Amino acid sequence: DHALHARSKAMAKKTGLTGPQRLALRIIGSFPNISSGEL
């Protein structure tokens, strides 16, 4: 959990996206027009 948070924080600084944001982005890209409930 600590490592996930640390990498997420570093990702946000480097790319502007946290780990959870990037995961959501990847899933939305894989399933275009997905609803929030499905996501």
Full PDB file with SEQRES, HELIX, SHEET, SSBOND, CRYST1, ORIGX, SCALE, CONECT and MASTER records, all heavy atoms in Angstrom:
SEQRES   1 A   39  ASP HIS ALA LEU HIS ALA ARG SER LYS ALA MET ALA LYS          
SEQRES   2 A   39  LYS THR GLY LEU THR GLY PRO GLN ARG LEU ALA LEU ARG          
SEQRES   3 A   39  ILE ILE GLY SER PHE PRO ASN ILE SER SER GLY GLU LEU          
HELIX    1 AA1 HIS A    2  THR A   15  1                                  14    
HELIX    2 AA2 GLY A   19  SER A   30  1                                  12    
CRYST1    1.000    1.000    1.000  90.00  90.00  90.00 P 1           1          
ORIGX1      1.000000  0.000000  0.000000        0.00000                         
ORIGX2      0.000000  1.000000  0.000000        0.00000                         
ORIGX3      0.000000  0.000000  1.000000        0.00000                         
SCALE1      1.000000  0.000000  0.000000        0.00000                         
SCALE2      0.000000  1.000000  0.000000        0.00000                         
SCALE3      0.000000  0.000000  1.000000        0.00000                         
ATOM      1  N   ASP A   1       0.832  -1.205   0.000  1.00  0.00           N  
ATOM      2  CA  ASP A   1       0.000   0.000   0.000  1.00  0.00           C  
ATOM      3  C   ASP A   1       0.868   1.257   0.000  1.00  0.00           C  
ATOM      4  O   ASP A   1       0.624   2.191  -0.768  1.00  0.00           O  
ATOM      5  CB  ASP A   1      -0.939  -0.016   1.208  1.00  0.00           C  
ATOM      6  CG  ASP A   1      -1.856   1.190   1.239  1.00  0.00           C  
ATOM      7  OD1 ASP A   1      -2.656   1.365   0.303  1.00  0.00           O  
ATOM      8  OD2 ASP A   1      -1.763   1.960   2.214  1.00  0.00           O  
ATOM      9  N   HIS A   2       1.891   1.258   0.836  1.00  0.00           N  
ATOM     10  CA  HIS A   2       2.804   2.408   0.900  1.00  0.00           C  
ATOM     11  C   HIS A   2       3.503   2.602  -0.455  1.00  0.00           C  
ATOM     12  O   HIS A   2       3.606   3.729  -0.951  1.00  0.00           O  
ATOM     13  CB  HIS A   2       3.840   2.211   2.005  1.00  0.00           C  
ATOM     14  CG  HIS A   2       4.885   3.272   2.015  1.00  0.00           C  
ATOM     15  ND1 HIS A   2       4.638   4.561   2.458  1.00  0.00           N  
ATOM     16  CD2 HIS A   2       6.176   3.255   1.599  1.00  0.00           C  
ATOM     17  CE1 HIS A   2       5.739   5.284   2.311  1.00  0.00           C  
ATOM     18  NE2 HIS A   2       6.680   4.514   1.805  1.00  0.00           N  
ATOM     19  N   ALA A   3       3.973   1.518  -1.050  1.00  0.00           N  
ATOM     20  CA  ALA A   3       4.659   1.611  -2.339  1.00  0.00           C  
ATOM     21  C   ALA A   3       3.717   2.104  -3.446  1.00  0.00           C  
ATOM     22  O   ALA A   3       4.115   2.902  -4.300  1.00  0.00           O  
ATOM     23  CB  ALA A   3       5.255   0.249  -2.717  1.00  0.00           C  
ATOM     24  N   LEU A   4       2.463   1.656  -3.424  1.00  0.00           N  
ATOM     25  CA  LEU A   4       1.477   2.130  -4.407  1.00  0.00           C  
ATOM     26  C   LEU A   4       1.265   3.635  -4.283  1.00  0.00           C  
ATOM     27  O   LEU A   4       1.237   4.362  -5.284  1.00  0.00           O  
ATOM     28  CB  LEU A   4       0.142   1.400  -4.235  1.00  0.00           C  
ATOM     29  CG  LEU A   4       0.068  -0.027  -4.740  1.00  0.00           C  
ATOM     30  CD1 LEU A   4      -1.179  -0.718  -4.214  1.00  0.00           C  
ATOM     31  CD2 LEU A   4       0.098  -0.056  -6.266  1.00  0.00           C  
ATOM     32  N   HIS A   5       1.119   4.114  -3.055  1.00  0.00           N  
ATOM     33  CA  HIS A   5       0.920   5.541  -2.830  1.00  0.00           C  
ATOM     34  C   HIS A   5       2.160   6.348  -3.232  1.00  0.00           C  
ATOM     35  O   HIS A   5       2.034   7.423  -3.833  1.00  0.00           O  
ATOM     36  CB  HIS A   5       0.536   5.825  -1.371  1.00  0.00           C  
ATOM     37  CG  HIS A   5      -0.863   5.442  -1.045  1.00  0.00           C  
ATOM     38  ND1 HIS A   5      -1.955   6.166  -1.443  1.00  0.00           N  
ATOM     39  CD2 HIS A   5      -1.358   4.383  -0.369  1.00  0.00           C  
ATOM     40  CE1 HIS A   5      -3.054   5.580  -1.034  1.00  0.00           C  
ATOM     41  NE2 HIS A   5      -2.720   4.482  -0.379  1.00  0.00           N  
ATOM     42  N   ALA A   6       3.338   5.837  -2.910  1.00  0.00           N  
ATOM     43  CA  ALA A   6       4.577   6.541  -3.255  1.00  0.00           C  
ATOM     44  C   ALA A   6       4.735   6.632  -4.767  1.00  0.00           C  
ATOM     45  O   ALA A   6       5.068   7.698  -5.304  1.00  0.00           O  
ATOM     46  CB  ALA A   6       5.781   5.837  -2.633  1.00  0.00           C  
ATOM     47  N   ARG A   7       4.484   5.538  -5.492  1.00  0.00           N  
ATOM     48  CA  ARG A   7       4.607   5.566  -6.955  1.00  0.00           C  
ATOM     49  C   ARG A   7       3.542   6.466  -7.557  1.00  0.00           C  
ATOM     50  O   ARG A   7       3.800   7.215  -8.485  1.00  0.00           O  
ATOM     51  CB  ARG A   7       4.514   4.151  -7.515  1.00  0.00           C  
ATOM     52  CG  ARG A   7       4.577   4.057  -9.045  1.00  0.00           C  
ATOM     53  CD  ARG A   7       5.858   4.617  -9.690  1.00  0.00           C  
ATOM     54  NE  ARG A   7       7.044   3.905  -9.318  1.00  0.00           N  
ATOM     55  CZ  ARG A   7       7.633   2.966 -10.063  1.00  0.00           C  
ATOM     56  NH1 ARG A   7       7.140   2.634 -11.232  1.00  0.00           N  
ATOM     57  NH2 ARG A   7       8.720   2.372  -9.625  1.00  0.00           N  
ATOM     58  N   SER A   8       2.339   6.423  -7.004  1.00  0.00           N  
ATOM     59  CA  SER A   8       1.256   7.265  -7.492  1.00  0.00           C  
ATOM     60  C   SER A   8       1.612   8.742  -7.361  1.00  0.00           C  
ATOM     61  O   SER A   8       1.397   9.538  -8.280  1.00  0.00           O  
ATOM     62  CB  SER A   8      -0.035   6.954  -6.731  1.00  0.00           C  
ATOM     63  OG  SER A   8      -1.102   7.740  -7.209  1.00  0.00           O  
ATOM     64  N   LYS A   9       2.169   9.114  -6.204  1.00  0.00           N  
ATOM     65  CA  LYS A   9       2.572  10.504  -5.969  1.00  0.00           C  
ATOM     66  C   LYS A   9       3.681  10.919  -6.941  1.00  0.00           C  
ATOM     67  O   LYS A   9       3.645  12.009  -7.519  1.00  0.00           O  
ATOM     68  CB  LYS A   9       3.045  10.646  -4.521  1.00  0.00           C  
ATOM     69  CG  LYS A   9       3.280  12.056  -4.074  1.00  0.00           C  
ATOM     70  CD  LYS A   9       3.611  12.080  -2.587  1.00  0.00           C  
ATOM     71  CE  LYS A   9       3.863  13.496  -2.117  1.00  0.00           C  
ATOM     72  NZ  LYS A   9       4.174  13.529  -0.685  1.00  0.00           N  
ATOM     73  N   ALA A  10       4.650  10.031  -7.159  1.00  0.00           N  
ATOM     74  CA  ALA A  10       5.737  10.315  -8.105  1.00  0.00           C  
ATOM     75  C   ALA A  10       5.197  10.419  -9.533  1.00  0.00           C  
ATOM     76  O   ALA A  10       5.634  11.277 -10.304  1.00  0.00           O  
ATOM     77  CB  ALA A  10       6.810   9.234  -8.010  1.00  0.00           C  
ATOM     78  N   MET A  11       4.238   9.574  -9.879  1.00  0.00           N  
ATOM     79  CA  MET A  11       3.616   9.633 -11.208  1.00  0.00           C  
ATOM     80  C   MET A  11       2.915  10.970 -11.406  1.00  0.00           C  
ATOM     81  O   MET A  11       2.998  11.565 -12.482  1.00  0.00           O  
ATOM     82  CB  MET A  11       2.586   8.506 -11.372  1.00  0.00           C  
ATOM     83  CG  MET A  11       3.167   7.137 -11.580  1.00  0.00           C  
ATOM     84  SD  MET A  11       1.886   5.841 -11.543  1.00  0.00           S  
ATOM     85  CE  MET A  11       0.717   6.431 -12.771  1.00  0.00           C  
ATOM     86  N   ALA A  12       2.222  11.429 -10.371  1.00  0.00           N  
ATOM     87  CA  ALA A  12       1.497  12.702 -10.467  1.00  0.00           C  
ATOM     88  C   ALA A  12       2.467  13.842 -10.749  1.00  0.00           C  
ATOM     89  O   ALA A  12       2.173  14.723 -11.562  1.00  0.00           O  
ATOM     90  CB  ALA A  12       0.707  12.964  -9.196  1.00  0.00           C  
ATOM     91  N   LYS A  13       3.623  13.814 -10.078  1.00  0.00           N  
ATOM     92  CA  LYS A  13       4.623  14.862 -10.315  1.00  0.00           C  
ATOM     93  C   LYS A  13       5.196  14.775 -11.730  1.00  0.00           C  
ATOM     94  O   LYS A  13       5.425  15.788 -12.374  1.00  0.00           O  
ATOM     95  CB  LYS A  13       5.769  14.752  -9.305  1.00  0.00           C  
ATOM     96  CG  LYS A  13       5.409  15.234  -7.927  1.00  0.00           C  
ATOM     97  CD  LYS A  13       6.603  15.141  -6.992  1.00  0.00           C  
ATOM     98  CE  LYS A  13       6.222  15.590  -5.591  1.00  0.00           C  
ATOM     99  NZ  LYS A  13       7.335  15.441  -4.651  1.00  0.00           N  
ATOM    100  N   LYS A  14       5.427  13.551 -12.188  1.00  0.00           N  
ATOM    101  CA  LYS A  14       6.082  13.351 -13.484  1.00  0.00           C  
ATOM    102  C   LYS A  14       5.121  13.486 -14.666  1.00  0.00           C  
ATOM    103  O   LYS A  14       5.476  14.062 -15.689  1.00  0.00           O  
ATOM    104  CB  LYS A  14       6.753  11.976 -13.508  1.00  0.00           C  
ATOM    105  CG  LYS A  14       7.574  11.704 -14.745  1.00  0.00           C  
ATOM    106  CD  LYS A  14       8.346  10.413 -14.621  1.00  0.00           C  
ATOM    107  CE  LYS A  14       9.198  10.231 -15.870  1.00  0.00           C  
ATOM    108  NZ  LYS A  14      10.127   9.116 -15.731  1.00  0.00           N  
ATOM    109  N   THR A  15       3.908  12.932 -14.531  1.00  0.00           N  
ATOM    110  CA  THR A  15       2.990  12.870 -15.673  1.00  0.00           C  
ATOM    111  C   THR A  15       1.705  13.659 -15.504  1.00  0.00           C  
ATOM    112  O   THR A  15       0.957  13.822 -16.456  1.00  0.00           O  
ATOM    113  CB  THR A  15       2.596  11.401 -15.962  1.00  0.00           C  
ATOM    114  OG1 THR A  15       1.795  10.917 -14.872  1.00  0.00           O  
ATOM    115  CG2 THR A  15       3.805  10.511 -16.143  1.00  0.00           C  
ATOM    116  N   GLY A  16       1.420  14.106 -14.272  1.00  0.00           N  
ATOM    117  CA  GLY A  16       0.167  14.804 -14.015  1.00  0.00           C  
ATOM    118  C   GLY A  16      -0.993  13.871 -13.725  1.00  0.00           C  
ATOM    119  O   GLY A  16      -2.117  14.313 -13.536  1.00  0.00           O  
ATOM    120  N   LEU A  17      -0.721  12.558 -13.687  1.00  0.00           N  
ATOM    121  CA  LEU A  17      -1.765  11.569 -13.402  1.00  0.00           C  
ATOM    122  C   LEU A  17      -1.351  10.706 -12.221  1.00  0.00           C  
ATOM    123  O   LEU A  17      -0.225  10.210 -12.169  1.00  0.00           O  
ATOM    124  CB  LEU A  17      -1.975  10.642 -14.607  1.00  0.00           C  
ATOM    125  CG  LEU A  17      -2.638  11.226 -15.836  1.00  0.00           C  
ATOM    126  CD1 LEU A  17      -2.492  10.283 -17.018  1.00  0.00           C  
ATOM    127  CD2 LEU A  17      -4.099  11.513 -15.562  1.00  0.00           C  
ATOM    128  N   THR A  18      -2.270  10.501 -11.285  1.00  0.00           N  
ATOM    129  CA  THR A  18      -2.011   9.569 -10.187  1.00  0.00           C  
ATOM    130  C   THR A  18      -2.234   8.145 -10.692  1.00  0.00           C  
ATOM    131  O   THR A  18      -2.787   7.932 -11.780  1.00  0.00           O  
ATOM    132  CB  THR A  18      -2.963   9.830  -9.013  1.00  0.00           C  
ATOM    133  OG1 THR A  18      -4.308   9.558  -9.455  1.00  0.00           O  
ATOM    134  CG2 THR A  18      -2.839  11.251  -8.485  1.00  0.00           C  
ATOM    135  N   GLY A  19      -1.859   7.177  -9.875  1.00  0.00           N  
ATOM    136  CA  GLY A  19      -2.084   5.780 -10.234  1.00  0.00           C  
ATOM    137  C   GLY A  19      -3.551   5.470 -10.498  1.00  0.00           C  
ATOM    138  O   GLY A  19      -3.891   4.900 -11.549  1.00  0.00           O  
ATOM    139  N   PRO A  20      -4.462   5.839  -9.581  1.00  0.00           N  
ATOM    140  CA  PRO A  20      -5.883   5.571  -9.832  1.00  0.00           C  
ATOM    141  C   PRO A  20      -6.426   6.299 -11.075  1.00  0.00           C  
ATOM    142  O   PRO A  20      -7.235   5.743 -11.825  1.00  0.00           O  
ATOM    143  CB  PRO A  20      -6.571   6.076  -8.562  1.00  0.00           C  
ATOM    144  CG  PRO A  20      -5.528   5.963  -7.505  1.00  0.00           C  
ATOM    145  CD  PRO A  20      -4.236   6.289  -8.201  1.00  0.00           C  
ATOM    146  N   GLN A  21      -5.976   7.529 -11.318  1.00  0.00           N  
ATOM    147  CA  GLN A  21      -6.419   8.256 -12.511  1.00  0.00           C  
ATOM    148  C   GLN A  21      -5.943   7.543 -13.774  1.00  0.00           C  
ATOM    149  O   GLN A  21      -6.692   7.385 -14.728  1.00  0.00           O  
ATOM    150  CB  GLN A  21      -5.893   9.688 -12.494  1.00  0.00           C  
ATOM    151  CG  GLN A  21      -6.538  10.569 -11.464  1.00  0.00           C  
ATOM    152  CD  GLN A  21      -5.838  11.902 -11.318  1.00  0.00           C  
ATOM    153  OE1 GLN A  21      -4.703  12.099 -11.756  1.00  0.00           O  
ATOM    154  NE2 GLN A  21      -6.502  12.839 -10.657  1.00  0.00           N  
ATOM    155  N   ARG A  22      -4.697   7.106 -13.756  1.00  0.00           N  
ATOM    156  CA  ARG A  22      -4.147   6.423 -14.925  1.00  0.00           C  
ATOM    157  C   ARG A  22      -4.858   5.093 -15.167  1.00  0.00           C  
ATOM    158  O   ARG A  22      -5.158   4.743 -16.308  1.00  0.00           O  
ATOM    159  CB  ARG A  22      -2.649   6.203 -14.752  1.00  0.00           C  
ATOM    160  CG  ARG A  22      -2.051   5.520 -15.954  1.00  0.00           C  
ATOM    161  CD  ARG A  22      -0.546   5.618 -16.007  1.00  0.00           C  
ATOM    162  NE  ARG A  22      -0.029   4.608 -16.881  1.00  0.00           N  
ATOM    163  CZ  ARG A  22      -0.222   4.555 -18.187  1.00  0.00           C  
ATOM    164  NH1 ARG A  22      -0.911   5.499 -18.790  1.00  0.00           N  
ATOM    165  NH2 ARG A  22       0.263   3.581 -18.911  1.00  0.00           N  
ATOM    166  N   LEU A  23      -5.143   4.350 -14.097  1.00  0.00           N  
ATOM    167  CA  LEU A  23      -5.863   3.085 -14.251  1.00  0.00           C  
ATOM    168  C   LEU A  23      -7.249   3.332 -14.843  1.00  0.00           C  
ATOM    169  O   LEU A  23      -7.669   2.631 -15.768  1.00  0.00           O  
ATOM    170  CB  LEU A  23      -5.951   2.359 -12.910  1.00  0.00           C  
ATOM    171  CG  LEU A  23      -6.643   0.993 -12.928  1.00  0.00           C  
ATOM    172  CD1 LEU A  23      -5.983   0.038 -13.914  1.00  0.00           C  
ATOM    173  CD2 LEU A  23      -6.634   0.400 -11.520  1.00  0.00           C  
ATOM    174  N   ALA A  24      -7.940   4.332 -14.337  1.00  0.00           N  
ATOM    175  CA  ALA A  24      -9.257   4.669 -14.895  1.00  0.00           C  
ATOM    176  C   ALA A  24      -9.128   5.055 -16.365  1.00  0.00           C  
ATOM    177  O   ALA A  24      -9.928   4.626 -17.206  1.00  0.00           O  
ATOM    178  CB  ALA A  24      -9.896   5.802 -14.093  1.00  0.00           C  
ATOM    179  N   LEU A  25      -8.113   5.836 -16.688  1.00  0.00           N  
ATOM    180  CA  LEU A  25      -7.875   6.250 -18.074  1.00  0.00           C  
ATOM    181  C   LEU A  25      -7.635   5.037 -18.969  1.00  0.00           C  
ATOM    182  O   LEU A  25      -8.184   4.948 -20.072  1.00  0.00           O  
ATOM    183  CB  LEU A  25      -6.670   7.199 -18.111  1.00  0.00           C  
ATOM    184  CG  LEU A  25      -6.496   8.061 -19.336  1.00  0.00           C  
ATOM    185  CD1 LEU A  25      -7.608   9.095 -19.438  1.00  0.00           C  
ATOM    186  CD2 LEU A  25      -5.144   8.774 -19.265  1.00  0.00           C  
ATOM    187  N   ARG A  26      -6.824   4.087 -18.508  1.00  0.00           N  
ATOM    188  CA  ARG A  26      -6.534   2.872 -19.277  1.00  0.00           C  
ATOM    189  C   ARG A  26      -7.805   2.059 -19.521  1.00  0.00           C  
ATOM    190  O   ARG A  26      -8.022   1.543 -20.610  1.00  0.00           O  
ATOM    191  CB  ARG A  26      -5.498   2.018 -18.552  1.00  0.00           C  
ATOM    192  CG  ARG A  26      -4.123   2.637 -18.444  1.00  0.00           C  
ATOM    193  CD  ARG A  26      -3.304   2.495 -19.692  1.00  0.00           C  
ATOM    194  NE  ARG A  26      -2.861   1.113 -19.823  1.00  0.00           N  
ATOM    195  CZ  ARG A  26      -2.476   0.576 -20.950  1.00  0.00           C  
ATOM    196  NH1 ARG A  26      -2.454   1.275 -22.051  1.00  0.00           N  
ATOM    197  NH2 ARG A  26      -2.102  -0.683 -21.019  1.00  0.00           N  
ATOM    198  N   ILE A  27      -8.646   1.948 -18.497  1.00  0.00           N  
ATOM    199  CA  ILE A  27      -9.875   1.165 -18.637  1.00  0.00           C  
ATOM    200  C   ILE A  27     -10.854   1.869 -19.566  1.00  0.00           C  
ATOM    201  O   ILE A  27     -11.471   1.238 -20.426  1.00  0.00           O  
ATOM    202  CB  ILE A  27     -10.496   0.869 -17.260  1.00  0.00           C  
ATOM    203  CG1 ILE A  27      -9.554  -0.077 -16.491  1.00  0.00           C  
ATOM    204  CG2 ILE A  27     -11.892   0.267 -17.397  1.00  0.00           C  
ATOM    205  CD1 ILE A  27      -9.884  -0.236 -15.042  1.00  0.00           C  
ATOM    206  N   ILE A  28     -10.986   3.185 -19.428  1.00  0.00           N  
ATOM    207  CA  ILE A  28     -11.874   3.942 -20.324  1.00  0.00           C  
ATOM    208  C   ILE A  28     -11.379   3.794 -21.767  1.00  0.00           C  
ATOM    209  O   ILE A  28     -12.174   3.652 -22.687  1.00  0.00           O  
ATOM    210  CB  ILE A  28     -11.962   5.421 -19.901  1.00  0.00           C  
ATOM    211  CG1 ILE A  28     -12.682   5.525 -18.554  1.00  0.00           C  
ATOM    212  CG2 ILE A  28     -12.654   6.262 -20.973  1.00  0.00           C  
ATOM    213  CD1 ILE A  28     -12.577   6.889 -17.892  1.00  0.00           C  
ATOM    214  N   GLY A  29     -10.071   3.797 -21.962  1.00  0.00           N  
ATOM    215  CA  GLY A  29      -9.514   3.596 -23.300  1.00  0.00           C  
ATOM    216  C   GLY A  29      -9.812   2.214 -23.851  1.00  0.00           C  
ATOM    217  O   GLY A  29     -10.010   2.036 -25.057  1.00  0.00           O  
ATOM    218  N   SER A  30      -9.858   1.231 -22.983  1.00  0.00           N  
ATOM    219  CA  SER A  30     -10.148  -0.143 -23.405  1.00  0.00           C  
ATOM    220  C   SER A  30     -11.631  -0.377 -23.642  1.00  0.00           C  
ATOM    221  O   SER A  30     -12.013  -1.259 -24.408  1.00  0.00           O  
ATOM    222  CB  SER A  30      -9.658  -1.137 -22.345  1.00  0.00           C  
ATOM    223  OG  SER A  30      -8.262  -1.075 -22.217  1.00  0.00           O  
ATOM    224  N   PHE A  31     -12.474   0.397 -22.946  1.00  0.00           N  
ATOM    225  CA  PHE A  31     -13.926   0.256 -23.062  1.00  0.00           C  
ATOM    226  C   PHE A  31     -14.568   1.618 -23.312  1.00  0.00           C  
ATOM    227  O   PHE A  31     -15.178   2.196 -22.408  1.00  0.00           O  
ATOM    228  CB  PHE A  31     -14.502  -0.370 -21.776  1.00  0.00           C  
ATOM    229  CG  PHE A  31     -13.938  -1.719 -21.457  1.00  0.00           C  
ATOM    230  CD1 PHE A  31     -12.942  -1.858 -20.498  1.00  0.00           C  
ATOM    231  CD2 PHE A  31     -14.388  -2.850 -22.123  1.00  0.00           C  
ATOM    232  CE1 PHE A  31     -12.409  -3.101 -20.194  1.00  0.00           C  
ATOM    233  CE2 PHE A  31     -13.856  -4.108 -21.832  1.00  0.00           C  
ATOM    234  CZ  PHE A  31     -12.863  -4.227 -20.871  1.00  0.00           C  
ATOM    235  N   PRO A  32     -14.414   2.147 -24.526  1.00  0.00           N  
ATOM    236  CA  PRO A  32     -14.995   3.471 -24.819  1.00  0.00           C  
ATOM    237  C   PRO A  32     -16.500   3.493 -24.522  1.00  0.00           C  
ATOM    238  O   PRO A  32     -17.187   2.498 -24.718  1.00  0.00           O  
ATOM    239  CB  PRO A  32     -14.737   3.646 -26.312  1.00  0.00           C  
ATOM    240  CG  PRO A  32     -13.628   2.705 -26.636  1.00  0.00           C  
ATOM    241  CD  PRO A  32     -13.762   1.547 -25.684  1.00  0.00           C  
ATOM    242  N   ASN A  33     -16.952   4.627 -24.050  1.00  0.00           N  
ATOM    243  CA  ASN A  33     -18.353   4.844 -23.688  1.00  0.00           C  
ATOM    244  C   ASN A  33     -18.802   3.950 -22.535  1.00  0.00           C  
ATOM    245  O   ASN A  33     -19.941   3.513 -22.484  1.00  0.00           O  
ATOM    246  CB  ASN A  33     -19.272   4.691 -24.906  1.00  0.00           C  
ATOM    247  CG  ASN A  33     -18.980   5.758 -25.928  1.00  0.00           C  
ATOM    248  OD1 ASN A  33     -18.842   6.932 -25.586  1.00  0.00           O  
ATOM    249  ND2 ASN A  33     -18.837   5.352 -27.187  1.00  0.00           N  
ATOM    250  N   ILE A  34     -17.899   3.748 -21.587  1.00  0.00           N  
ATOM    251  CA  ILE A  34     -18.218   2.995 -20.387  1.00  0.00           C  
ATOM    252  C   ILE A  34     -18.931   3.934 -19.408  1.00  0.00           C  
ATOM    253  O   ILE A  34     -18.629   5.122 -19.336  1.00  0.00           O  
ATOM    254  CB  ILE A  34     -16.933   2.395 -19.755  1.00  0.00           C  
ATOM    255  CG1 ILE A  34     -17.274   1.401 -18.636  1.00  0.00           C  
ATOM    256  CG2 ILE A  34     -15.985   3.493 -19.275  1.00  0.00           C  
ATOM    257  CD1 ILE A  34     -16.071   0.593 -18.143  1.00  0.00           C  
ATOM    258  N   SER A  35     -19.901   3.393 -18.681  1.00  0.00           N  
ATOM    259  CA  SER A  35     -20.597   4.206 -17.683  1.00  0.00           C  
ATOM    260  C   SER A  35     -19.782   4.211 -16.391  1.00  0.00           C  
ATOM    261  O   SER A  35     -18.923   3.353 -16.179  1.00  0.00           O  
ATOM    262  CB  SER A  35     -21.991   3.629 -17.409  1.00  0.00           C  
ATOM    263  OG  SER A  35     -21.883   2.409 -16.699  1.00  0.00           O  
ATOM    264  N   SER A  36     -20.067   5.161 -15.523  1.00  0.00           N  
ATOM    265  CA  SER A  36     -19.350   5.216 -14.248  1.00  0.00           C  
ATOM    266  C   SER A  36     -19.663   3.984 -13.402  1.00  0.00           C  
ATOM    267  O   SER A  36     -18.794   3.478 -12.690  1.00  0.00           O  
ATOM    268  CB  SER A  36     -19.667   6.496 -13.483  1.00  0.00           C  
ATOM    269  OG  SER A  36     -21.042   6.592 -13.228  1.00  0.00           O  
ATOM    270  N   GLY A  37     -20.874   3.481 -13.482  1.00  0.00           N  
ATOM    271  CA  GLY A  37     -21.239   2.269 -12.746  1.00  0.00           C  
ATOM    272  C   GLY A  37     -20.437   1.068 -13.215  1.00  0.00           C  
ATOM    273  O   GLY A  37     -19.940   0.278 -12.404  1.00  0.00           O  
ATOM    274  N   GLU A  38     -20.323   0.928 -14.534  1.00  0.00           N  
ATOM    275  CA  GLU A  38     -19.522  -0.181 -15.074  1.00  0.00           C  
ATOM    276  C   GLU A  38     -18.057  -0.028 -14.681  1.00  0.00           C  
ATOM    277  O   GLU A  38     -17.400  -1.001 -14.297  1.00  0.00           O  
ATOM    278  CB  GLU A  38     -19.651  -0.231 -16.603  1.00  0.00           C  
ATOM    279  CG  GLU A  38     -21.031  -0.621 -17.092  1.00  0.00           C  
ATOM    280  CD  GLU A  38     -21.253  -0.328 -18.569  1.00  0.00           C  
ATOM    281  OE1 GLU A  38     -20.671   0.645 -19.092  1.00  0.00           O  
ATOM    282  OE2 GLU A  38     -22.012  -1.092 -19.181  1.00  0.00           O  
ATOM    283  N   LEU A  39     -17.549   1.186 -14.767  1.00  0.00           N  
ATOM    284  CA  LEU A  39     -16.160   1.450 -14.406  1.00  0.00           C  
ATOM    285  C   LEU A  39     -15.916   1.153 -12.929  1.00  0.00           C  
ATOM    286  O   LEU A  39     -14.900   0.552 -12.569  1.00  0.00           O  
ATOM    287  CB  LEU A  39     -15.789   2.898 -14.736  1.00  0.00           C  
ATOM    288  CG  LEU A  39     -14.346   3.311 -14.517  1.00  0.00           C  
ATOM    289  CD1 LEU A  39     -13.377   2.447 -15.322  1.00  0.00           C  
ATOM    290  CD2 LEU A  39     -14.160   4.786 -14.899  1.00  0.00           C  
TER     291      LEU A  39                                                      
MASTER        0    0    0    2    0    0    0    6  290    1    0    3          
END                                                                             
